[in-house]
Amino acid sequence: MVDFILPNSISSRNLIDYTLFQTLDASAVNDQKPLSELEASSKLINLKIRSTGWTGYKKVVDKQTVIGYAYKEDSQLNGIGLTEDNAYNLWIEEFKDRERRFKNTFLLNTLSQTQYDAMLSMYLQTNTFNEVGSNIRMFDLKEYIDNRQWGYIATAMTICGLNRLDRQADAKILMLGDYGTNKDRSLIKEQGLQVLYKEHSAGTLDQLQTDQAEYVYYAETKRFLPNMNESRKRLLAKQLS
């Protein structure tokens, strides 16, 4: 049996020509700024939270127990529940902490906004910007970064195979300034509440999840979920008065 080995470098034969696609924000793609002056754009932050989604009670997502915007600390997982606003505050604090670590270690002193956002986005998920891929196919990006070969980096992101949709999204940000469709936090919250209501009504939650769901739903809407007893209603009304 012959082993098929995928190439782990980018050449003119597999390089994607991004000039064939529409650039949505040429200034964000091309204008260089000092790394020290750059921060994650609001578009990247919105992409991250809408991709993650919000849950006011703990649940298992992709084999991990999370609450809020994929928060994993026991203090919150076993707490009273997380409103969308509190969840966002925890998420952005953690996001900014990791962003500071990214800036302290990145290889270049100047970047465009989309170059910064795309490399940060990949770093947040993979804990590295030096390589992309898996054991099957890994691309070393250090030389491409040093030489500012952004088309090569975007191509490696697109064809690496691991977390394919996320890396393709990063490539679109990098080369085209395309962050997808913005979703307001109020809509993210509403969608989370709809799921909460459905799962509570279905009776699929354990006692802690039920308590968290009831607390968060009342905190967000000032309405009670169905089939709550009167003593529970009085307790929540008193807690959140």
C-alpha atoms as a PDB file:
ATOM      1  CA  MET A   1       0.000   0.000   0.000  1.00  0.00           C
ATOM      2  CA  VAL A   2       1.396   3.403  -1.001  1.00  0.00           C
ATOM      3  CA  ASP A   3       1.132   6.190   1.566  1.00  0.00           C
ATOM      4  CA  PHE A   4      -0.257   9.433   0.190  1.00  0.00           C
ATOM      5  CA  ILE A   5       1.584  12.418   1.653  1.00  0.00           C
ATOM      6  CA  LEU A   6       0.037  15.856   1.347  1.00  0.00           C
ATOM      7  CA  PRO A   7       2.482  18.716   0.684  1.00  0.00           C
ATOM      8  CA  ASN A   8       3.115  20.880   3.751  1.00  0.00           C
ATOM      9  CA  SER A   9       4.397  23.974   1.954  1.00  0.00           C
ATOM     10  CA  ILE A  10       2.778  26.518  -0.335  1.00  0.00           C
ATOM     11  CA  SER A  11       3.991  26.932  -3.902  1.00  0.00           C
ATOM     12  CA  SER A  12       2.750  28.749  -6.990  1.00  0.00           C
ATOM     13  CA  ARG A  13       0.821  25.591  -7.885  1.00  0.00           C
ATOM     14  CA  ASN A  14      -1.434  25.614  -4.815  1.00  0.00           C
ATOM     15  CA  LEU A  15      -1.330  29.319  -3.906  1.00  0.00           C
ATOM     16  CA  ILE A  16      -4.842  30.799  -3.873  1.00  0.00           C
ATOM     17  CA  ASP A  17      -5.188  34.006  -5.889  1.00  0.00           C
ATOM     18  CA  TYR A  18      -7.230  36.240  -3.603  1.00  0.00           C
ATOM     19  CA  THR A  19      -7.305  39.027  -6.182  1.00  0.00           C
ATOM     20  CA  LEU A  20     -10.093  37.030  -7.817  1.00  0.00           C
ATOM     21  CA  PHE A  21     -12.351  37.826  -4.851  1.00  0.00           C
ATOM     22  CA  GLN A  22     -13.889  41.099  -3.718  1.00  0.00           C
ATOM     23  CA  THR A  23     -12.061  42.965  -0.971  1.00  0.00           C
ATOM     24  CA  LEU A  24     -14.635  44.382   1.425  1.00  0.00           C
ATOM     25  CA  ASP A  25     -12.361  46.835   3.263  1.00  0.00           C
ATOM     26  CA  ALA A  26      -9.159  47.718   1.399  1.00  0.00           C
ATOM     27  CA  SER A  27      -7.970  50.110   4.098  1.00  0.00           C
ATOM     28  CA  ALA A  28      -8.281  47.498   6.853  1.00  0.00           C
ATOM     29  CA  VAL A  29      -6.487  44.960   4.652  1.00  0.00           C
ATOM     30  CA  ASN A  30      -3.602  47.156   3.526  1.00  0.00           C
ATOM     31  CA  ASP A  31      -2.928  50.057   5.914  1.00  0.00           C
ATOM     32  CA  GLN A  32      -0.093  49.252   8.301  1.00  0.00           C
ATOM     33  CA  LYS A  33      -0.105  50.292  11.964  1.00  0.00           C
ATOM     34  CA  PRO A  34       2.306  49.718  14.849  1.00  0.00           C
ATOM     35  CA  LEU A  35       1.483  46.495  16.666  1.00  0.00           C
ATOM     36  CA  SER A  36       1.337  48.407  19.949  1.00  0.00           C
ATOM     37  CA  GLU A  37      -1.547  50.534  18.626  1.00  0.00           C
ATOM     38  CA  LEU A  38      -3.661  47.644  17.359  1.00  0.00           C
ATOM     39  CA  GLU A  39      -6.521  45.953  19.179  1.00  0.00           C
ATOM     40  CA  ALA A  40      -9.039  43.361  18.101  1.00  0.00           C
ATOM     41  CA  SER A  41     -11.685  45.006  15.951  1.00  0.00           C
ATOM     42  CA  SER A  42     -15.328  45.041  16.968  1.00  0.00           C
ATOM     43  CA  LYS A  43     -15.975  42.883  13.892  1.00  0.00           C
ATOM     44  CA  LEU A  44     -13.652  40.149  15.153  1.00  0.00           C
ATOM     45  CA  ILE A  45     -15.146  40.300  18.642  1.00  0.00           C
ATOM     46  CA  ASN A  46     -18.627  39.949  17.181  1.00  0.00           C
ATOM     47  CA  LEU A  47     -17.524  37.014  15.026  1.00  0.00           C
ATOM     48  CA  LYS A  48     -16.146  35.249  18.079  1.00  0.00           C
ATOM     49  CA  ILE A  49     -19.178  35.688  20.320  1.00  0.00           C
ATOM     50  CA  ARG A  50     -21.746  34.869  17.650  1.00  0.00           C
ATOM     51  CA  SER A  51     -19.776  31.742  16.724  1.00  0.00           C
ATOM     52  CA  THR A  52     -19.650  30.718  20.391  1.00  0.00           C
ATOM     53  CA  GLY A  53     -23.195  31.586  21.399  1.00  0.00           C
ATOM     54  CA  TRP A  54     -24.463  32.315  24.904  1.00  0.00           C
ATOM     55  CA  THR A  55     -26.017  29.927  27.409  1.00  0.00           C
ATOM     56  CA  GLY A  56     -27.230  31.113  30.798  1.00  0.00           C
ATOM     57  CA  TYR A  57     -26.952  27.653  32.377  1.00  0.00           C
ATOM     58  CA  LYS A  58     -24.215  25.056  32.216  1.00  0.00           C
ATOM     59  CA  LYS A  59     -24.347  22.568  29.371  1.00  0.00           C
ATOM     60  CA  VAL A  60     -22.076  20.262  27.405  1.00  0.00           C
ATOM     61  CA  VAL A  61     -20.878  21.710  24.099  1.00  0.00           C
ATOM     62  CA  ASP A  62     -18.342  19.807  21.968  1.00  0.00           C
ATOM     63  CA  LYS A  63     -17.666  17.463  24.910  1.00  0.00           C
ATOM     64  CA  GLN A  64     -16.884  20.338  27.285  1.00  0.00           C
ATOM     65  CA  THR A  65     -19.077  21.672  30.089  1.00  0.00           C
ATOM     66  CA  VAL A  66     -19.473  25.418  29.642  1.00  0.00           C
ATOM     67  CA  ILE A  67     -21.648  28.347  30.660  1.00  0.00           C
ATOM     68  CA  GLY A  68     -22.049  31.858  29.299  1.00  0.00           C
ATOM     69  CA  TYR A  69     -19.762  32.376  26.309  1.00  0.00           C
ATOM     70  CA  ALA A  70     -17.962  29.033  26.664  1.00  0.00           C
ATOM     71  CA  TYR A  71     -16.744  29.838  30.196  1.00  0.00           C
ATOM     72  CA  LYS A  72     -15.328  26.796  31.999  1.00  0.00           C
ATOM     73  CA  GLU A  73     -14.557  27.897  35.570  1.00  0.00           C
ATOM     74  CA  ASP A  74     -16.258  25.862  38.318  1.00  0.00           C
ATOM     75  CA  SER A  75     -17.223  29.013  40.197  1.00  0.00           C
ATOM     76  CA  GLN A  76     -19.617  29.889  37.386  1.00  0.00           C
ATOM     77  CA  LEU A  77     -20.508  26.389  36.231  1.00  0.00           C
ATOM     78  CA  ASN A  78     -21.844  25.653  39.719  1.00  0.00           C
ATOM     79  CA  GLY A  79     -23.190  29.138  40.392  1.00  0.00           C
ATOM     80  CA  ILE A  80     -26.635  30.716  40.048  1.00  0.00           C
ATOM     81  CA  GLY A  81     -26.399  31.158  36.272  1.00  0.00           C
ATOM     82  CA  LEU A  82     -24.887  33.761  33.957  1.00  0.00           C
ATOM     83  CA  THR A  83     -26.842  36.577  32.367  1.00  0.00           C
ATOM     84  CA  GLU A  84     -25.675  37.596  28.918  1.00  0.00           C
ATOM     85  CA  ASP A  85     -24.111  40.812  30.201  1.00  0.00           C
ATOM     86  CA  ASN A  86     -22.177  39.088  32.986  1.00  0.00           C
ATOM     87  CA  ALA A  87     -21.128  36.333  30.595  1.00  0.00           C
ATOM     88  CA  TYR A  88     -19.840  38.872  28.087  1.00  0.00           C
ATOM     89  CA  ASN A  89     -17.847  40.700  30.771  1.00  0.00           C
ATOM     90  CA  LEU A  90     -16.136  37.460  31.781  1.00  0.00           C
ATOM     91  CA  TRP A  91     -15.506  36.548  28.156  1.00  0.00           C
ATOM     92  CA  ILE A  92     -14.025  39.902  27.127  1.00  0.00           C
ATOM     93  CA  GLU A  93     -11.757  39.943  30.192  1.00  0.00           C
ATOM     94  CA  GLU A  94     -10.354  36.556  29.226  1.00  0.00           C
ATOM     95  CA  PHE A  95     -10.172  37.584  25.557  1.00  0.00           C
ATOM     96  CA  LYS A  96      -8.160  40.730  26.349  1.00  0.00           C
ATOM     97  CA  ASP A  97      -5.787  38.801  28.595  1.00  0.00           C
ATOM     98  CA  ARG A  98      -4.997  36.385  25.782  1.00  0.00           C
ATOM     99  CA  GLU A  99      -4.751  39.238  23.301  1.00  0.00           C
ATOM    100  CA  ARG A 100      -2.040  40.850  25.459  1.00  0.00           C
ATOM    101  CA  ARG A 101      -0.077  37.591  25.390  1.00  0.00           C
ATOM    102  CA  PHE A 102      -0.422  37.461  21.615  1.00  0.00           C
ATOM    103  CA  LYS A 103       0.907  41.008  21.212  1.00  0.00           C
ATOM    104  CA  ASN A 104       3.860  40.310  23.500  1.00  0.00           C
ATOM    105  CA  THR A 105       5.046  37.402  21.362  1.00  0.00           C
ATOM    106  CA  PHE A 106       4.093  38.201  17.754  1.00  0.00           C
ATOM    107  CA  LEU A 107       6.933  38.357  15.236  1.00  0.00           C
ATOM    108  CA  LEU A 108       6.265  41.676  13.451  1.00  0.00           C
ATOM    109  CA  ASN A 109       6.142  45.273  14.632  1.00  0.00           C
ATOM    110  CA  THR A 110       3.533  46.490  12.144  1.00  0.00           C
ATOM    111  CA  LEU A 111       0.377  44.903  10.752  1.00  0.00           C
ATOM    112  CA  SER A 112      -2.843  45.888   9.071  1.00  0.00           C
ATOM    113  CA  GLN A 113      -6.055  45.515  11.042  1.00  0.00           C
ATOM    114  CA  THR A 114      -7.103  42.368   9.183  1.00  0.00           C
ATOM    115  CA  GLN A 115      -3.646  40.813   9.473  1.00  0.00           C
ATOM    116  CA  TYR A 116      -3.789  41.436  13.211  1.00  0.00           C
ATOM    117  CA  ASP A 117      -7.332  40.108  13.566  1.00  0.00           C
ATOM    118  CA  ALA A 118      -6.725  36.964  11.509  1.00  0.00           C
ATOM    119  CA  MET A 119      -3.531  35.967  13.287  1.00  0.00           C
ATOM    120  CA  LEU A 120      -5.072  36.742  16.683  1.00  0.00           C
ATOM    121  CA  SER A 121      -8.155  34.711  15.803  1.00  0.00           C
ATOM    122  CA  MET A 122      -6.056  31.663  14.954  1.00  0.00           C
ATOM    123  CA  TYR A 123      -3.932  32.136  18.074  1.00  0.00           C
ATOM    124  CA  LEU A 124      -7.010  32.272  20.305  1.00  0.00           C
ATOM    125  CA  GLN A 125      -8.138  28.848  19.104  1.00  0.00           C
ATOM    126  CA  THR A 126      -4.795  27.075  18.605  1.00  0.00           C
ATOM    127  CA  ASN A 127      -2.452  28.882  21.029  1.00  0.00           C
ATOM    128  CA  THR A 128       0.031  29.503  18.229  1.00  0.00           C
ATOM    129  CA  PHE A 129       0.543  31.651  15.161  1.00  0.00           C
ATOM    130  CA  ASN A 130       3.739  29.883  14.060  1.00  0.00           C
ATOM    131  CA  GLU A 131       2.033  26.920  12.419  1.00  0.00           C
ATOM    132  CA  VAL A 132      -1.336  25.721  11.268  1.00  0.00           C
ATOM    133  CA  GLY A 133      -2.673  22.241  10.627  1.00  0.00           C
ATOM    134  CA  SER A 134      -2.474  18.805  12.242  1.00  0.00           C
ATOM    135  CA  ASN A 135      -0.168  15.799  12.406  1.00  0.00           C
ATOM    136  CA  ILE A 136      -1.440  14.843   8.972  1.00  0.00           C
ATOM    137  CA  ARG A 137      -0.608  18.177   7.373  1.00  0.00           C
ATOM    138  CA  MET A 138       1.200  20.970   9.220  1.00  0.00           C
ATOM    139  CA  PHE A 139       2.310  24.257   7.665  1.00  0.00           C
ATOM    140  CA  ASP A 140       5.187  26.178   9.249  1.00  0.00           C
ATOM    141  CA  LEU A 141       4.204  29.861   9.033  1.00  0.00           C
ATOM    142  CA  LYS A 142       7.230  31.577  10.595  1.00  0.00           C
ATOM    143  CA  GLU A 143       9.028  32.263   7.284  1.00  0.00           C
ATOM    144  CA  TYR A 144       5.806  33.414   5.625  1.00  0.00           C
ATOM    145  CA  ILE A 145       5.196  35.814   8.527  1.00  0.00           C
ATOM    146  CA  ASP A 146       8.766  37.143   8.433  1.00  0.00           C
ATOM    147  CA  ASN A 147       8.432  37.760   4.687  1.00  0.00           C
ATOM    148  CA  ARG A 148       4.874  39.117   4.996  1.00  0.00           C
ATOM    149  CA  GLN A 149       3.614  36.538   2.523  1.00  0.00           C
ATOM    150  CA  TRP A 150       0.001  36.893   3.563  1.00  0.00           C
ATOM    151  CA  GLY A 151      -1.398  35.065   0.545  1.00  0.00           C
ATOM    152  CA  TYR A 152       0.715  32.044   1.504  1.00  0.00           C
ATOM    153  CA  ILE A 153      -0.519  32.210   5.084  1.00  0.00           C
ATOM    154  CA  ALA A 154      -4.152  32.507   3.962  1.00  0.00           C
ATOM    155  CA  THR A 155      -3.703  29.568   1.602  1.00  0.00           C
ATOM    156  CA  ALA A 156      -2.203  27.444   4.388  1.00  0.00           C
ATOM    157  CA  MET A 157      -5.139  28.348   6.626  1.00  0.00           C
ATOM    158  CA  THR A 158      -7.616  27.405   3.920  1.00  0.00           C
ATOM    159  CA  ILE A 159      -6.166  24.020   2.953  1.00  0.00           C
ATOM    160  CA  CYS A 160      -4.699  22.809   6.267  1.00  0.00           C
ATOM    161  CA  GLY A 161      -7.785  20.721   7.046  1.00  0.00           C
ATOM    162  CA  LEU A 162      -7.935  21.165  10.840  1.00  0.00           C
ATOM    163  CA  ASN A 163     -10.826  23.329  12.088  1.00  0.00           C
ATOM    164  CA  ARG A 164     -11.436  23.971   8.419  1.00  0.00           C
ATOM    165  CA  LEU A 165     -14.323  26.437   8.638  1.00  0.00           C
ATOM    166  CA  ASP A 166     -12.631  28.528  11.329  1.00  0.00           C
ATOM    167  CA  ARG A 167      -9.358  28.767   9.410  1.00  0.00           C
ATOM    168  CA  GLN A 168     -11.172  29.593   6.177  1.00  0.00           C
ATOM    169  CA  ALA A 169     -12.931  32.398   8.051  1.00  0.00           C
ATOM    170  CA  ASP A 170      -9.539  33.658   9.251  1.00  0.00           C
ATOM    171  CA  ALA A 171      -8.234  33.615   5.673  1.00  0.00           C
ATOM    172  CA  LYS A 172     -11.191  35.691   4.485  1.00  0.00           C
ATOM    173  CA  ILE A 173     -10.536  38.233   7.223  1.00  0.00           C
ATOM    174  CA  LEU A 174      -6.843  38.342   6.406  1.00  0.00           C
ATOM    175  CA  MET A 175      -7.084  38.856   2.658  1.00  0.00           C
ATOM    176  CA  LEU A 176     -10.533  40.337   2.060  1.00  0.00           C
ATOM    177  CA  GLY A 177     -11.628  42.061   5.261  1.00  0.00           C
ATOM    178  CA  ASP A 178     -14.624  39.716   5.286  1.00  0.00           C
ATOM    179  CA  TYR A 179     -15.882  39.007   8.818  1.00  0.00           C
ATOM    180  CA  GLY A 180     -19.252  37.580   7.821  1.00  0.00           C
ATOM    181  CA  THR A 181     -22.591  38.970   8.932  1.00  0.00           C
ATOM    182  CA  ASN A 182     -22.694  40.933  12.176  1.00  0.00           C
ATOM    183  CA  LYS A 183     -25.136  39.722  14.841  1.00  0.00           C
ATOM    184  CA  ASP A 184     -26.138  42.114  17.601  1.00  0.00           C
ATOM    185  CA  ARG A 185     -25.693  40.885  21.155  1.00  0.00           C
ATOM    186  CA  SER A 186     -29.416  41.402  21.774  1.00  0.00           C
ATOM    187  CA  LEU A 187     -30.137  38.779  19.107  1.00  0.00           C
ATOM    188  CA  ILE A 188     -27.509  36.407  20.519  1.00  0.00           C
ATOM    189  CA  LYS A 189     -29.219  36.777  23.909  1.00  0.00           C
ATOM    190  CA  GLU A 190     -32.676  36.207  22.441  1.00  0.00           C
ATOM    191  CA  GLN A 191     -31.530  33.038  20.697  1.00  0.00           C
ATOM    192  CA  GLY A 192     -29.969  31.783  23.929  1.00  0.00           C
ATOM    193  CA  LEU A 193     -33.209  32.463  25.810  1.00  0.00           C
ATOM    194  CA  GLN A 194     -35.220  30.591  23.196  1.00  0.00           C
ATOM    195  CA  VAL A 195     -33.024  27.505  23.621  1.00  0.00           C
ATOM    196  CA  LEU A 196     -33.221  27.860  27.412  1.00  0.00           C
ATOM    197  CA  TYR A 197     -37.027  28.041  27.305  1.00  0.00           C
ATOM    198  CA  LYS A 198     -37.266  25.005  25.025  1.00  0.00           C
ATOM    199  CA  GLU A 199     -34.927  22.805  27.063  1.00  0.00           C
ATOM    200  CA  HIS A 200     -36.495  23.824  30.385  1.00  0.00           C
ATOM    201  CA  SER A 201     -39.969  23.050  29.025  1.00  0.00           C
ATOM    202  CA  ALA A 202     -38.780  19.670  27.724  1.00  0.00           C
ATOM    203  CA  GLY A 203     -37.650  18.653  31.211  1.00  0.00           C
ATOM    204  CA  THR A 204     -34.173  17.672  30.039  1.00  0.00           C
ATOM    205  CA  LEU A 205     -32.238  19.752  32.595  1.00  0.00           C
ATOM    206  CA  ASP A 206     -30.911  18.493  35.931  1.00  0.00           C
ATOM    207  CA  GLN A 207     -31.732  20.381  39.133  1.00  0.00           C
ATOM    208  CA  LEU A 208     -28.755  22.761  39.005  1.00  0.00           C
ATOM    209  CA  GLN A 209     -29.365  23.528  35.338  1.00  0.00           C
ATOM    210  CA  THR A 210     -33.042  24.096  36.080  1.00  0.00           C
ATOM    211  CA  ASP A 211     -32.247  26.522  38.909  1.00  0.00           C
ATOM    212  CA  GLN A 212     -29.763  28.386  36.700  1.00  0.00           C
ATOM    213  CA  ALA A 213     -32.205  28.555  33.793  1.00  0.00           C
ATOM    214  CA  GLU A 214     -35.016  29.858  35.985  1.00  0.00           C
ATOM    215  CA  TYR A 215     -32.783  32.492  37.548  1.00  0.00           C
ATOM    216  CA  VAL A 216     -31.361  33.724  34.240  1.00  0.00           C
ATOM    217  CA  TYR A 217     -34.683  33.764  32.426  1.00  0.00           C
ATOM    218  CA  TYR A 218     -36.279  35.888  35.141  1.00  0.00           C
ATOM    219  CA  ALA A 219     -33.207  38.139  35.390  1.00  0.00           C
ATOM    220  CA  GLU A 220     -33.291  38.783  31.635  1.00  0.00           C
ATOM    221  CA  THR A 221     -37.031  39.004  31.002  1.00  0.00           C
ATOM    222  CA  LYS A 222     -38.742  39.608  34.373  1.00  0.00           C
ATOM    223  CA  ARG A 223     -40.981  36.669  33.443  1.00  0.00           C
ATOM    224  CA  PHE A 224     -41.130  33.221  34.992  1.00  0.00           C
ATOM    225  CA  LEU A 225     -40.616  29.994  33.111  1.00  0.00           C
ATOM    226  CA  PRO A 226     -43.614  27.630  32.954  1.00  0.00           C
ATOM    227  CA  ASN A 227     -44.439  25.181  35.758  1.00  0.00           C
ATOM    228  CA  MET A 228     -42.462  26.943  38.486  1.00  0.00           C
ATOM    229  CA  ASN A 229     -43.937  26.658  41.969  1.00  0.00           C
ATOM    230  CA  GLU A 230     -44.958  29.762  43.884  1.00  0.00           C
ATOM    231  CA  SER A 231     -42.216  29.550  46.501  1.00  0.00           C
ATOM    232  CA  ARG A 232     -39.575  29.474  43.775  1.00  0.00           C
ATOM    233  CA  LYS A 233     -41.173  32.473  42.099  1.00  0.00           C
ATOM    234  CA  ARG A 234     -41.166  34.430  45.345  1.00  0.00           C
ATOM    235  CA  LEU A 235     -37.512  33.571  45.949  1.00  0.00           C
ATOM    236  CA  LEU A 236     -36.434  34.759  42.517  1.00  0.00           C
ATOM    237  CA  ALA A 237     -38.505  37.925  42.767  1.00  0.00           C
ATOM    238  CA  LYS A 238     -36.836  38.700  46.084  1.00  0.00           C
ATOM    239  CA  GLN A 239     -33.323  37.903  44.809  1.00  0.00           C
ATOM    240  CA  LEU A 240     -33.749  40.110  41.753  1.00  0.00           C
ATOM    241  CA  SER A 241     -35.849  42.935  43.147  1.00  0.00           C
END
